[in-house]
N, C-alpha and C. Protein backbone atom coordinates (compact mmCIF):
# COMPACT_ATOMS: atom_id res chain seq x y z
N ILE A 1 54.30 -67.83 116.92
CA ILE A 1 54.39 -68.33 118.28
C ILE A 1 53.14 -68.79 118.93
N THR A 2 53.46 -69.74 119.47
CA THR A 2 52.24 -70.40 120.32
C THR A 2 51.82 -69.83 121.49
N CYS A 3 50.50 -70.05 122.15
CA CYS A 3 50.19 -69.53 123.30
C CYS A 3 51.03 -70.08 124.29
N ASN A 4 51.41 -71.27 124.25
CA ASN A 4 52.36 -71.87 125.30
C ASN A 4 53.86 -71.04 125.28
N GLY A 5 54.22 -70.73 124.12
CA GLY A 5 55.50 -70.20 124.31
C GLY A 5 55.54 -68.71 124.03
N CYS A 6 54.47 -68.08 124.19
CA CYS A 6 54.25 -66.52 124.22
C CYS A 6 54.84 -65.77 125.34
N GLY A 7 55.90 -64.85 124.96
CA GLY A 7 56.54 -64.24 126.16
C GLY A 7 55.86 -62.91 126.46
N SER A 8 54.53 -62.59 126.01
CA SER A 8 53.83 -61.52 126.44
C SER A 8 52.39 -62.00 126.88
N LYS A 9 52.54 -63.29 127.37
CA LYS A 9 51.20 -64.07 127.75
C LYS A 9 50.45 -62.92 128.80
N SER A 10 49.16 -62.93 128.68
CA SER A 10 48.20 -62.17 129.83
C SER A 10 48.10 -62.83 130.97
N VAL A 11 47.82 -62.18 132.22
CA VAL A 11 47.90 -62.79 133.43
C VAL A 11 46.66 -63.85 133.37
N PRO A 12 45.48 -63.97 132.88
CA PRO A 12 44.54 -64.74 132.74
C PRO A 12 45.05 -65.84 131.98
N PHE A 13 45.82 -65.87 130.83
CA PHE A 13 46.29 -67.01 130.27
C PHE A 13 47.31 -67.95 131.09
N THR A 14 48.08 -67.10 131.95
CA THR A 14 48.98 -67.80 132.89
C THR A 14 48.18 -68.92 133.80
N LYS A 15 46.85 -68.81 133.75
CA LYS A 15 45.95 -69.60 134.77
C LYS A 15 45.47 -70.82 134.13
N LEU A 16 45.96 -70.99 132.74
CA LEU A 16 45.29 -72.11 131.82
C LEU A 16 46.35 -73.37 131.79
N LEU A 17 45.81 -74.40 131.80
CA LEU A 17 46.71 -75.70 131.44
C LEU A 17 47.06 -75.82 130.13
N ASP A 18 48.11 -76.76 129.83
CA ASP A 18 48.61 -76.83 128.67
C ASP A 18 47.65 -77.12 127.71
N ASP A 19 46.48 -77.90 128.02
CA ASP A 19 45.62 -78.45 126.92
C ASP A 19 44.70 -77.31 126.61
N GLU A 20 44.32 -76.69 127.56
CA GLU A 20 43.52 -75.30 127.71
C GLU A 20 44.14 -74.31 126.68
N LEU A 21 45.45 -74.18 126.98
CA LEU A 21 46.13 -73.07 126.17
C LEU A 21 46.15 -73.59 124.59
N MET A 22 46.21 -74.77 124.47
CA MET A 22 46.11 -75.49 122.93
C MET A 22 44.80 -75.14 122.56
N SER A 23 43.75 -75.00 122.99
CA SER A 23 42.46 -74.98 122.34
C SER A 23 42.22 -73.56 122.30
N MET A 24 42.79 -72.76 123.01
CA MET A 24 43.05 -71.30 122.55
C MET A 24 43.59 -70.98 121.25
N GLN A 25 44.80 -71.57 121.21
CA GLN A 25 45.52 -71.54 120.20
C GLN A 25 45.13 -71.76 118.71
N GLN A 26 44.19 -72.95 118.74
CA GLN A 26 43.32 -73.18 117.75
C GLN A 26 42.40 -72.20 117.22
N LYS A 27 41.91 -71.38 118.23
CA LYS A 27 40.88 -70.39 117.74
C LYS A 27 41.20 -69.01 117.60
N ARG A 28 42.65 -68.82 117.64
CA ARG A 28 43.03 -67.31 117.73
C ARG A 28 43.73 -67.12 116.27
N VAL A 29 44.07 -65.92 116.13
CA VAL A 29 44.93 -65.43 114.83
C VAL A 29 45.46 -64.14 115.43
N GLU A 30 46.77 -64.09 115.02
CA GLU A 30 47.69 -62.89 115.26
C GLU A 30 47.73 -61.98 114.06
N ILE A 31 47.24 -60.75 114.45
CA ILE A 31 47.30 -59.69 113.22
C ILE A 31 47.97 -58.43 113.57
N GLU A 32 48.95 -58.02 112.62
CA GLU A 32 49.59 -56.76 112.66
C GLU A 32 48.74 -55.51 112.02
N TYR A 33 48.76 -54.44 112.79
CA TYR A 33 47.79 -53.25 112.40
C TYR A 33 48.90 -51.94 112.31
N ARG A 34 48.69 -51.29 111.34
CA ARG A 34 49.62 -50.24 111.28
C ARG A 34 48.81 -49.02 111.81
N ARG A 35 49.65 -47.85 112.27
CA ARG A 35 49.18 -46.67 112.89
C ARG A 35 47.90 -46.08 112.06
N GLY A 36 46.79 -46.03 112.87
CA GLY A 36 45.56 -45.36 112.27
C GLY A 36 44.64 -46.41 111.79
N GLU A 37 45.13 -47.59 111.78
CA GLU A 37 44.10 -48.78 111.16
C GLU A 37 42.97 -49.14 112.14
N THR A 38 41.86 -49.46 111.67
CA THR A 38 40.84 -49.81 112.46
C THR A 38 40.89 -51.39 112.97
N ILE A 39 40.74 -51.73 114.21
CA ILE A 39 40.73 -53.17 114.41
C ILE A 39 39.52 -53.62 114.50
N ALA A 40 38.44 -52.99 115.02
CA ALA A 40 37.04 -53.46 115.12
C ALA A 40 36.21 -52.14 114.99
N LYS A 41 35.09 -52.55 114.39
CA LYS A 41 34.18 -51.38 114.14
C LYS A 41 32.91 -51.23 114.97
N GLN A 42 32.53 -50.24 115.41
CA GLN A 42 31.32 -49.98 116.34
C GLN A 42 30.19 -50.48 115.38
N GLY A 43 29.20 -51.25 116.00
CA GLY A 43 27.98 -51.63 115.38
C GLY A 43 28.24 -53.01 114.70
N HIS A 44 29.53 -53.63 114.36
CA HIS A 44 29.57 -54.78 113.94
C HIS A 44 29.30 -56.08 114.80
N HIS A 45 29.17 -57.32 114.32
CA HIS A 45 28.78 -58.34 115.22
C HIS A 45 30.06 -58.66 116.06
N ALA A 46 29.91 -58.61 117.42
CA ALA A 46 31.07 -58.91 118.47
C ALA A 46 31.23 -60.31 118.67
N THR A 47 32.32 -60.99 117.76
CA THR A 47 32.46 -62.20 117.65
C THR A 47 33.66 -62.60 118.06
N HIS A 48 34.71 -61.72 118.62
CA HIS A 48 35.98 -62.09 118.97
C HIS A 48 36.21 -60.96 120.21
N ILE A 49 37.38 -61.61 121.08
CA ILE A 49 38.00 -60.89 122.10
C ILE A 49 39.42 -60.50 121.69
N PHE A 50 39.81 -59.43 121.76
CA PHE A 50 41.19 -58.99 121.41
C PHE A 50 42.30 -58.66 122.30
N TYR A 51 43.40 -59.13 122.27
CA TYR A 51 44.56 -59.02 123.19
C TYR A 51 45.55 -58.21 122.40
N LEU A 52 45.99 -57.23 123.07
CA LEU A 52 47.06 -56.35 122.56
C LEU A 52 48.45 -56.80 122.78
N GLN A 53 49.22 -57.60 122.13
CA GLN A 53 50.38 -58.08 122.62
C GLN A 53 51.41 -57.11 122.53
N ASP A 54 51.33 -56.02 121.57
CA ASP A 54 52.18 -54.90 121.52
C ASP A 54 51.67 -53.64 120.57
N GLY A 55 51.96 -52.66 121.32
CA GLY A 55 51.39 -51.25 120.54
C GLY A 55 50.66 -50.55 121.52
N LEU A 56 49.83 -49.70 120.93
CA LEU A 56 48.82 -48.87 121.62
C LEU A 56 47.72 -48.57 121.00
N VAL A 57 46.65 -48.76 121.36
CA VAL A 57 45.07 -48.58 120.77
C VAL A 57 44.24 -47.71 121.64
N LYS A 58 43.23 -47.19 120.91
CA LYS A 58 42.14 -46.28 121.29
C LYS A 58 40.84 -47.12 121.05
N ILE A 59 39.99 -46.96 122.34
CA ILE A 59 38.71 -47.50 122.22
C ILE A 59 37.75 -46.23 122.28
N TYR A 60 37.06 -46.12 121.21
CA TYR A 60 36.13 -44.91 121.07
C TYR A 60 34.68 -45.05 120.82
N LYS A 61 34.03 -44.22 121.28
CA LYS A 61 32.53 -44.11 120.68
C LYS A 61 32.34 -43.14 119.47
N GLU A 62 31.65 -43.69 118.40
CA GLU A 62 31.54 -42.90 117.30
C GLU A 62 30.07 -42.12 117.48
N ILE A 63 30.30 -40.72 117.80
CA ILE A 63 28.90 -40.07 118.12
C ILE A 63 28.32 -39.50 116.91
N SER A 64 29.21 -39.06 115.96
CA SER A 64 28.71 -38.71 114.68
C SER A 64 29.67 -38.90 113.58
N ARG A 65 29.63 -38.55 112.53
CA ARG A 65 30.71 -38.81 111.35
C ARG A 65 32.01 -38.05 111.63
N LYS A 66 31.85 -36.72 112.45
CA LYS A 66 33.00 -36.14 112.76
C LYS A 66 33.49 -36.14 114.05
N ASP A 67 32.59 -36.47 114.91
CA ASP A 67 32.90 -36.34 116.42
C ASP A 67 32.94 -37.91 116.91
N ASN A 68 34.24 -37.99 117.78
CA ASN A 68 34.17 -39.32 118.39
C ASN A 68 34.56 -39.03 120.03
N LEU A 69 34.25 -39.86 120.84
CA LEU A 69 34.76 -39.89 122.31
C LEU A 69 35.57 -41.02 122.63
N ILE A 70 37.07 -40.60 122.71
CA ILE A 70 37.75 -41.68 123.27
C ILE A 70 37.58 -42.08 124.70
N LEU A 71 37.11 -43.54 124.95
CA LEU A 71 36.75 -43.87 126.08
C LEU A 71 38.02 -44.39 127.04
N SER A 72 38.90 -45.13 126.18
CA SER A 72 40.22 -45.29 127.04
C SER A 72 41.30 -45.53 126.11
N LEU A 73 42.61 -45.63 126.57
CA LEU A 73 43.78 -45.80 125.72
C LEU A 73 44.43 -47.19 126.55
N PHE A 74 44.62 -48.21 125.69
CA PHE A 74 45.12 -49.46 126.06
C PHE A 74 46.48 -49.81 125.63
N PRO A 75 47.44 -49.93 126.35
CA PRO A 75 48.96 -50.21 126.10
C PRO A 75 49.04 -51.76 125.96
N SER A 76 50.22 -52.10 125.54
CA SER A 76 50.55 -53.69 125.47
C SER A 76 50.03 -54.34 126.65
N GLY A 77 49.51 -55.65 126.58
CA GLY A 77 49.32 -56.34 127.55
C GLY A 77 47.99 -56.32 128.29
N THR A 78 46.94 -55.72 127.30
CA THR A 78 45.62 -55.43 127.89
C THR A 78 44.41 -56.23 126.92
N PHE A 79 43.36 -56.62 127.48
CA PHE A 79 42.39 -57.07 126.64
C PHE A 79 41.22 -56.03 126.18
N MET A 80 40.75 -56.10 124.95
CA MET A 80 39.60 -55.36 124.46
C MET A 80 38.44 -56.19 124.19
N ALA A 81 37.24 -55.39 124.24
CA ALA A 81 36.10 -56.16 123.99
C ALA A 81 35.46 -57.16 125.04
N LEU A 82 36.10 -57.02 126.24
CA LEU A 82 35.56 -57.89 127.23
C LEU A 82 34.17 -57.74 127.67
N PRO A 83 33.46 -56.27 127.66
CA PRO A 83 32.28 -56.21 128.18
C PRO A 83 31.12 -57.00 127.19
N THR A 84 31.50 -57.28 126.17
CA THR A 84 30.78 -58.12 125.13
C THR A 84 30.39 -59.57 125.59
N LEU A 85 31.29 -60.09 126.71
CA LEU A 85 31.23 -61.49 126.92
C LEU A 85 29.90 -61.79 127.57
N PHE A 86 29.24 -62.85 127.20
CA PHE A 86 28.02 -63.33 127.73
C PHE A 86 26.86 -62.26 127.40
N SER A 87 27.15 -61.16 126.81
CA SER A 87 25.88 -60.30 126.77
C SER A 87 25.74 -59.56 125.32
N SER A 88 26.57 -58.62 124.73
CA SER A 88 26.26 -58.01 123.78
C SER A 88 26.69 -58.82 122.46
N ASP A 89 25.92 -58.88 121.28
CA ASP A 89 26.25 -59.53 120.13
C ASP A 89 26.63 -58.46 119.08
N ILE A 90 26.62 -57.01 119.63
CA ILE A 90 27.09 -56.04 118.71
C ILE A 90 28.09 -55.43 119.49
N LEU A 91 29.16 -54.80 118.76
CA LEU A 91 30.33 -54.23 119.29
C LEU A 91 29.94 -52.75 119.57
N PRO A 92 29.90 -52.23 120.88
CA PRO A 92 29.54 -50.96 121.21
C PRO A 92 30.40 -49.92 121.07
N TYR A 93 31.45 -49.95 120.51
CA TYR A 93 32.26 -49.23 120.52
C TYR A 93 33.57 -49.61 119.04
N SER A 94 34.46 -48.69 118.71
CA SER A 94 35.29 -49.00 117.73
C SER A 94 36.74 -49.21 118.32
N ILE A 95 37.66 -49.67 117.92
CA ILE A 95 38.94 -49.93 118.11
C ILE A 95 39.92 -49.68 117.10
N ALA A 96 40.95 -48.72 117.35
CA ALA A 96 42.02 -48.45 116.30
C ALA A 96 43.21 -48.29 116.96
N ALA A 97 44.30 -48.60 116.18
CA ALA A 97 45.73 -48.48 116.34
C ALA A 97 46.16 -47.12 116.27
N ILE A 98 46.77 -46.66 117.50
CA ILE A 98 47.20 -45.42 117.66
C ILE A 98 48.92 -45.36 117.22
N GLU A 99 49.41 -46.66 117.53
CA GLU A 99 50.72 -46.81 117.18
C GLU A 99 50.63 -48.19 116.12
N ASP A 100 51.70 -48.58 115.73
CA ASP A 100 51.79 -49.97 114.85
C ASP A 100 51.63 -50.97 115.99
N SER A 101 50.66 -51.97 115.98
CA SER A 101 50.15 -52.82 116.93
C SER A 101 50.12 -54.37 116.41
N ILE A 102 50.22 -55.17 117.37
CA ILE A 102 50.03 -56.61 117.16
C ILE A 102 48.87 -57.07 118.22
N VAL A 103 47.97 -57.78 117.55
CA VAL A 103 46.73 -58.01 118.23
C VAL A 103 46.40 -59.59 118.05
N CYS A 104 46.24 -60.31 119.02
CA CYS A 104 45.68 -61.61 119.09
C CYS A 104 44.16 -61.60 118.97
N SER A 105 43.42 -62.14 118.02
CA SER A 105 41.99 -62.07 117.87
C SER A 105 41.57 -63.55 118.27
N ILE A 106 40.68 -63.62 119.30
CA ILE A 106 40.33 -64.96 119.82
C ILE A 106 38.60 -65.04 119.75
N GLU A 107 38.19 -66.01 119.33
CA GLU A 107 36.75 -66.23 119.33
C GLU A 107 36.30 -66.11 120.74
N LYS A 108 35.16 -65.29 120.76
CA LYS A 108 34.52 -64.87 121.95
C LYS A 108 33.93 -66.22 122.69
N LYS A 109 33.29 -67.14 121.95
CA LYS A 109 32.96 -68.28 122.50
C LYS A 109 33.77 -69.19 123.12
N THR A 110 34.94 -69.10 122.72
CA THR A 110 36.20 -70.16 123.09
C THR A 110 36.35 -69.32 124.54
N ILE A 111 36.59 -68.03 124.67
CA ILE A 111 36.61 -67.53 125.97
C ILE A 111 35.58 -67.56 126.99
N GLU A 112 34.50 -67.60 126.36
CA GLU A 112 33.31 -67.69 127.35
C GLU A 112 33.21 -69.18 127.99
N ALA A 113 33.56 -70.05 127.02
CA ALA A 113 33.85 -71.67 127.50
C ALA A 113 34.69 -71.88 128.42
N MET A 114 35.84 -70.89 128.42
CA MET A 114 36.91 -71.28 129.21
C MET A 114 36.64 -70.60 130.51
N ILE A 115 36.02 -69.53 130.63
CA ILE A 115 35.52 -68.86 131.80
C ILE A 115 34.49 -69.82 132.78
N LEU A 116 33.66 -70.65 132.08
CA LEU A 116 32.86 -71.51 132.75
C LEU A 116 33.60 -72.72 133.10
N ARG A 117 34.66 -73.07 132.39
CA ARG A 117 35.42 -74.23 132.92
C ARG A 117 36.64 -74.07 133.93
N ASN A 118 37.34 -72.98 134.10
CA ASN A 118 38.45 -72.69 134.72
C ASN A 118 37.98 -71.46 135.72
N GLY A 119 37.86 -71.47 137.02
CA GLY A 119 37.49 -70.69 137.75
C GLY A 119 38.73 -69.42 138.01
N MET A 120 39.84 -69.98 138.10
CA MET A 120 40.84 -69.00 138.24
C MET A 120 40.95 -67.97 137.15
N PHE A 121 40.98 -68.61 135.84
CA PHE A 121 40.93 -67.70 134.63
C PHE A 121 39.83 -66.97 134.62
N ALA A 122 38.62 -67.36 134.97
CA ALA A 122 37.55 -66.40 135.01
C ALA A 122 37.74 -65.13 135.94
N ALA A 123 38.27 -65.62 137.21
CA ALA A 123 38.75 -64.60 138.04
C ALA A 123 39.42 -63.52 137.63
N GLU A 124 40.59 -63.85 136.98
CA GLU A 124 41.38 -62.85 136.31
C GLU A 124 40.68 -61.89 135.37
N ILE A 125 39.91 -62.60 134.49
CA ILE A 125 39.02 -61.76 133.47
C ILE A 125 38.21 -60.73 134.45
N ILE A 126 37.55 -61.36 135.50
CA ILE A 126 36.45 -60.39 135.94
C ILE A 126 37.59 -59.34 136.57
N LYS A 127 38.73 -59.46 137.10
CA LYS A 127 39.63 -58.44 137.56
C LYS A 127 40.03 -57.40 136.43
N CYS A 128 40.09 -57.85 135.20
CA CYS A 128 40.20 -57.06 134.21
C CYS A 128 39.31 -56.05 134.07
N LEU A 129 37.90 -56.65 134.01
CA LEU A 129 36.61 -55.95 133.82
C LEU A 129 36.37 -54.91 134.88
N ASN A 130 36.86 -55.50 136.17
CA ASN A 130 36.54 -54.21 137.20
C ASN A 130 37.53 -53.10 137.20
N GLN A 131 38.68 -53.39 136.48
CA GLN A 131 39.84 -52.25 136.53
C GLN A 131 39.25 -51.22 135.39
N CYS A 132 38.60 -51.74 134.50
CA CYS A 132 38.06 -50.94 133.42
C CYS A 132 36.84 -50.13 133.96
N ASN A 133 35.95 -50.76 134.55
CA ASN A 133 34.89 -50.10 135.35
C ASN A 133 35.17 -48.97 136.13
N LEU A 134 36.10 -49.28 137.01
CA LEU A 134 36.63 -48.30 137.98
C LEU A 134 37.48 -47.21 137.43
N TYR A 135 38.07 -47.37 136.17
CA TYR A 135 38.70 -46.56 135.50
C TYR A 135 37.79 -45.43 134.80
N HIS A 136 36.52 -46.05 134.32
CA HIS A 136 35.51 -45.31 133.58
C HIS A 136 34.60 -44.49 134.70
N PHE A 137 34.44 -44.85 135.82
CA PHE A 137 33.94 -44.07 136.81
C PHE A 137 34.78 -42.80 137.19
N ASP A 138 36.06 -42.80 137.12
CA ASP A 138 36.71 -41.61 137.38
C ASP A 138 36.56 -40.95 136.15
N LYS A 139 36.80 -41.41 135.05
CA LYS A 139 36.84 -40.75 133.70
C LYS A 139 35.45 -39.86 133.63
N ILE A 140 34.26 -40.53 133.97
CA ILE A 140 32.86 -39.75 134.21
C ILE A 140 33.17 -38.44 134.77
N VAL A 141 33.75 -38.50 136.04
CA VAL A 141 34.04 -37.28 136.98
C VAL A 141 34.78 -36.33 136.32
N SER A 142 36.03 -36.86 135.47
CA SER A 142 36.68 -35.72 134.78
C SER A 142 36.03 -34.93 133.89
N LEU A 143 35.38 -35.83 132.84
CA LEU A 143 34.75 -35.19 131.86
C LEU A 143 33.53 -34.20 132.33
N THR A 144 33.09 -34.44 133.36
CA THR A 144 31.85 -33.62 133.74
C THR A 144 32.18 -32.58 134.82
N ARG A 145 33.16 -32.72 135.60
CA ARG A 145 33.50 -31.80 136.58
C ARG A 145 34.95 -30.91 136.23
N LYS A 146 35.83 -31.37 135.55
CA LYS A 146 37.24 -30.75 135.49
C LYS A 146 37.07 -29.66 134.37
N GLN A 147 37.80 -28.65 134.76
CA GLN A 147 38.25 -27.71 133.52
C GLN A 147 39.23 -27.90 132.64
N MET A 148 39.68 -27.13 131.72
CA MET A 148 40.73 -27.56 130.79
C MET A 148 42.09 -27.93 131.44
N ASN A 149 42.42 -27.11 132.42
CA ASN A 149 43.64 -27.27 133.05
C ASN A 149 43.77 -28.68 133.69
N GLY A 150 42.66 -28.84 134.40
CA GLY A 150 42.59 -30.43 135.28
C GLY A 150 42.66 -31.46 134.22
N LYS A 151 41.78 -31.22 132.89
CA LYS A 151 41.79 -32.37 132.19
C LYS A 151 43.18 -32.70 131.70
N MET A 152 44.08 -31.57 131.28
CA MET A 152 45.20 -31.68 130.61
C MET A 152 46.18 -32.31 131.46
N ALA A 153 46.12 -31.87 132.72
CA ALA A 153 47.06 -32.24 133.76
C ALA A 153 46.82 -33.90 133.76
N GLU A 154 45.69 -34.26 134.03
CA GLU A 154 45.33 -35.83 134.26
C GLU A 154 45.59 -36.50 133.05
N LEU A 155 45.51 -35.92 131.91
CA LEU A 155 45.95 -36.51 130.53
C LEU A 155 47.37 -36.90 130.57
N LEU A 156 48.29 -35.91 130.87
CA LEU A 156 49.73 -35.94 130.81
C LEU A 156 50.10 -36.95 132.06
N LEU A 157 49.69 -36.94 133.15
CA LEU A 157 49.89 -38.05 134.08
C LEU A 157 49.39 -39.38 133.73
N PHE A 158 48.34 -39.37 133.16
CA PHE A 158 47.87 -40.80 132.61
C PHE A 158 48.77 -41.20 131.78
N VAL A 159 49.05 -40.71 130.78
CA VAL A 159 49.90 -41.41 129.50
C VAL A 159 51.49 -41.59 130.17
N SER A 160 52.12 -40.69 130.88
CA SER A 160 53.20 -40.88 131.64
C SER A 160 53.25 -41.97 132.50
N GLU A 161 52.14 -42.30 133.46
CA GLU A 161 52.27 -43.45 134.37
C GLU A 161 51.83 -44.66 133.77
N ASN A 162 50.78 -44.46 132.90
CA ASN A 162 50.01 -45.80 132.68
C ASN A 162 50.54 -46.24 131.01
N ILE A 163 50.84 -45.46 130.20
CA ILE A 163 51.30 -45.63 128.92
C ILE A 163 52.73 -45.83 128.62
N TYR A 164 53.39 -44.79 128.84
CA TYR A 164 54.90 -44.75 128.35
C TYR A 164 55.55 -45.07 129.75
N HIS A 165 55.42 -44.98 130.91
CA HIS A 165 55.82 -45.30 132.16
C HIS A 165 57.43 -44.74 132.17
N ALA A 166 57.34 -43.31 131.95
CA ALA A 166 58.42 -42.40 131.92
C ALA A 166 58.10 -41.02 132.12
N ASP A 167 59.03 -40.08 132.59
CA ASP A 167 58.39 -38.63 132.45
C ASP A 167 58.77 -38.05 131.56
N ARG A 168 59.70 -38.72 130.62
CA ARG A 168 59.83 -37.99 129.22
C ARG A 168 59.61 -39.18 128.18
N PHE A 169 58.59 -38.63 127.05
CA PHE A 169 58.22 -39.65 126.15
C PHE A 169 57.81 -38.84 124.96
N TYR A 170 57.72 -39.72 123.90
CA TYR A 170 57.17 -39.13 122.59
C TYR A 170 55.79 -39.54 122.60
N LEU A 171 55.15 -38.25 122.30
CA LEU A 171 53.54 -38.47 122.46
C LEU A 171 53.07 -38.81 121.09
N THR A 172 52.57 -40.15 121.04
CA THR A 172 52.00 -40.41 119.56
C THR A 172 50.51 -40.12 119.46
N LEU A 173 49.94 -39.75 120.48
CA LEU A 173 48.59 -38.96 120.47
C LEU A 173 48.59 -37.60 119.55
N SER A 174 47.91 -37.68 118.55
CA SER A 174 47.47 -36.42 118.15
C SER A 174 46.59 -35.43 118.80
N ARG A 175 46.86 -34.25 118.32
CA ARG A 175 46.00 -33.24 119.11
C ARG A 175 44.63 -33.47 119.26
N LYS A 176 44.12 -34.07 117.90
CA LYS A 176 42.69 -34.51 118.02
C LYS A 176 42.25 -35.66 118.60
N ASP A 177 43.16 -36.65 119.12
CA ASP A 177 43.20 -37.59 119.88
C ASP A 177 43.14 -37.17 121.34
N ILE A 178 43.86 -36.26 121.80
CA ILE A 178 43.90 -35.58 123.06
C ILE A 178 42.45 -34.93 123.30
N ALA A 179 42.09 -34.27 122.39
CA ALA A 179 40.45 -33.46 122.42
C ALA A 179 39.70 -34.71 122.54
N GLU A 180 39.68 -35.64 121.87
CA GLU A 180 38.60 -36.84 122.07
C GLU A 180 38.60 -37.51 123.33
N PHE A 181 39.84 -37.38 123.75
CA PHE A 181 40.01 -38.18 125.20
C PHE A 181 39.73 -37.37 126.20
N THR A 182 39.69 -35.98 126.14
CA THR A 182 39.59 -35.09 127.25
C THR A 182 38.12 -34.50 127.29
N GLY A 183 37.50 -34.49 126.10
CA GLY A 183 36.21 -33.64 125.72
C GLY A 183 36.53 -32.22 125.61
N LEU A 184 37.75 -31.88 125.01
CA LEU A 184 38.05 -30.55 124.85
C LEU A 184 38.02 -30.15 123.32
N SER A 185 38.29 -29.01 122.93
CA SER A 185 38.43 -28.68 121.70
C SER A 185 39.79 -28.80 121.34
N VAL A 186 40.09 -28.85 120.02
CA VAL A 186 41.44 -29.12 119.49
C VAL A 186 42.44 -27.72 119.90
N MET A 187 41.68 -26.79 119.89
CA MET A 187 42.44 -25.28 120.46
C MET A 187 42.57 -25.14 121.74
N SER A 188 41.66 -25.75 122.42
CA SER A 188 41.88 -25.83 123.85
C SER A 188 43.15 -26.79 124.28
N VAL A 189 43.22 -27.83 123.71
CA VAL A 189 44.41 -28.59 123.88
C VAL A 189 45.78 -28.04 123.62
N ILE A 190 45.86 -27.41 122.48
CA ILE A 190 46.84 -26.50 122.06
C ILE A 190 47.16 -25.60 123.00
N ARG A 191 46.15 -24.79 123.49
CA ARG A 191 46.43 -23.72 124.50
C ARG A 191 46.89 -24.29 125.89
N GLY A 192 46.23 -25.52 126.21
CA GLY A 192 46.52 -25.99 127.53
C GLY A 192 48.03 -26.54 127.59
N ILE A 193 48.43 -26.85 126.51
CA ILE A 193 49.84 -27.32 126.26
C ILE A 193 50.80 -26.11 126.38
N GLN A 194 50.44 -25.22 125.65
CA GLN A 194 51.31 -23.98 125.64
C GLN A 194 51.33 -23.30 127.23
N GLU A 195 50.25 -23.29 127.79
CA GLU A 195 50.21 -22.74 129.03
C GLU A 195 51.20 -23.54 130.10
N PHE A 196 51.21 -24.81 130.02
CA PHE A 196 51.99 -25.64 130.82
C PHE A 196 53.43 -25.40 130.55
N LYS A 197 53.80 -25.33 129.33
CA LYS A 197 55.23 -24.94 128.80
C LYS A 197 55.69 -23.75 129.41
N LYS A 198 54.74 -22.74 129.23
CA LYS A 198 55.13 -21.26 129.83
C LYS A 198 55.33 -21.41 131.28
N SER A 199 54.36 -22.02 131.97
CA SER A 199 54.47 -22.20 133.52
C SER A 199 55.87 -23.11 133.99
N GLY A 200 56.45 -23.71 132.85
CA GLY A 200 57.31 -24.64 133.47
C GLY A 200 57.20 -26.03 133.91
N LEU A 201 55.95 -26.38 133.58
CA LEU A 201 55.38 -27.66 134.25
C LEU A 201 56.00 -28.88 133.21
N ILE A 202 56.10 -28.56 131.89
CA ILE A 202 56.42 -29.50 130.95
C ILE A 202 57.36 -28.78 129.95
N GLN A 203 58.17 -29.62 129.22
CA GLN A 203 59.10 -29.03 128.04
C GLN A 203 58.27 -30.01 126.81
N ASP A 204 58.23 -29.29 125.68
CA ASP A 204 57.74 -29.97 124.51
C ASP A 204 58.51 -29.56 123.41
N SER A 205 59.11 -30.58 122.89
CA SER A 205 60.05 -30.19 121.60
C SER A 205 59.95 -31.44 120.53
N LYS A 206 59.34 -31.02 119.47
CA LYS A 206 59.22 -31.80 118.35
C LYS A 206 58.54 -33.22 118.62
N GLY A 207 57.56 -33.01 119.56
CA GLY A 207 56.61 -34.24 119.82
C GLY A 207 57.25 -35.04 121.17
N TRP A 208 58.42 -34.86 121.61
CA TRP A 208 58.82 -35.28 122.86
C TRP A 208 58.22 -34.35 124.11
N ILE A 209 57.88 -34.97 125.01
CA ILE A 209 57.12 -34.24 126.26
C ILE A 209 58.04 -34.65 127.67
N GLU A 210 58.45 -33.84 128.18
CA GLU A 210 58.99 -34.00 129.49
C GLU A 210 58.31 -33.36 130.64
N ILE A 211 57.86 -34.16 131.40
CA ILE A 211 57.25 -33.59 132.85
C ILE A 211 58.32 -33.13 133.63
N LYS A 212 58.30 -31.89 133.89
CA LYS A 212 59.32 -31.18 134.93
C LYS A 212 58.79 -31.13 136.14
N GLU A 213 57.33 -30.93 136.47
CA GLU A 213 57.04 -30.55 137.73
C GLU A 213 55.52 -31.60 138.09
N LYS A 214 55.86 -32.68 138.30
CA LYS A 214 54.95 -33.69 138.38
C LYS A 214 54.05 -33.43 139.55
N GLU A 215 54.42 -33.18 140.69
CA GLU A 215 53.78 -32.68 141.74
C GLU A 215 52.64 -31.62 141.49
N ALA A 216 53.20 -30.58 141.07
CA ALA A 216 52.36 -29.49 140.44
C ALA A 216 51.23 -30.01 139.73
N LEU A 217 51.47 -30.66 138.81
CA LEU A 217 50.61 -31.26 137.85
C LEU A 217 49.35 -32.11 138.48
N ARG A 218 50.05 -32.93 139.41
CA ARG A 218 48.97 -33.60 140.11
C ARG A 218 48.11 -32.82 141.22
N LYS A 219 48.56 -31.54 141.41
CA LYS A 219 47.55 -30.82 142.30
C LYS A 219 46.59 -30.11 141.40
N ILE A 220 47.17 -29.73 140.35
CA ILE A 220 46.09 -29.20 139.23
C ILE A 220 45.15 -30.40 138.78
N CYS A 221 45.54 -31.47 138.63
CA CYS A 221 44.49 -32.57 138.46
C CYS A 221 43.65 -32.80 139.31
N GLN A 222 43.97 -32.79 140.69
CA GLN A 222 43.15 -32.89 141.72
C GLN A 222 42.23 -32.00 141.89
N SER A 223 42.53 -30.67 141.84
CA SER A 223 41.85 -29.45 141.90
C SER A 223 40.81 -29.14 140.78
N GLY A 224 41.00 -29.76 139.75
CA GLY A 224 40.29 -29.62 138.50
C GLY A 224 40.34 -28.43 137.74
């Protein structure tokens, strides 16, 4: 599929002219990743920008050989590695597939050249960067201020509203993923889910989560 005919085209790419889309097409490659595969490795040269056509990925900092901190979860239709534009030559985090995913890998220099050439494209890229920045401001507050229940409520609301877009969903995140995303231990994650089940806030059956009391979860999330 060419960039012109792509049905999952990102908003910034809708601002490009046909000849600009063609130049992007010549500098991109489409790759399929299986669940658990690494898409990009922290510390490697940042030569490409990634666009997630389909799937779910995690962006994470490798703290040590055993410990990671998941910075964000990205669903279909999002760009990754944008903070490296015009700045870093080294990727500051790793990217891995949580679900089977399809990724467009585009040369960073091509994106940078298009930003300088097309103001509307540049504006949309800035919007993407701003959304990530604002999200991470909130995440800092969550990690440093909220207790276990507040973090777990926030996680469930986030995946419900931003990843799966439903109150009932199959949770493809492992308990370890949730722990690395919330800054909790795996045991705390398990205990938090069990407490929410006992309270009737959620149902959990063979990986399927159903949020039964969304407003109650929202109050827990807000109170921390």
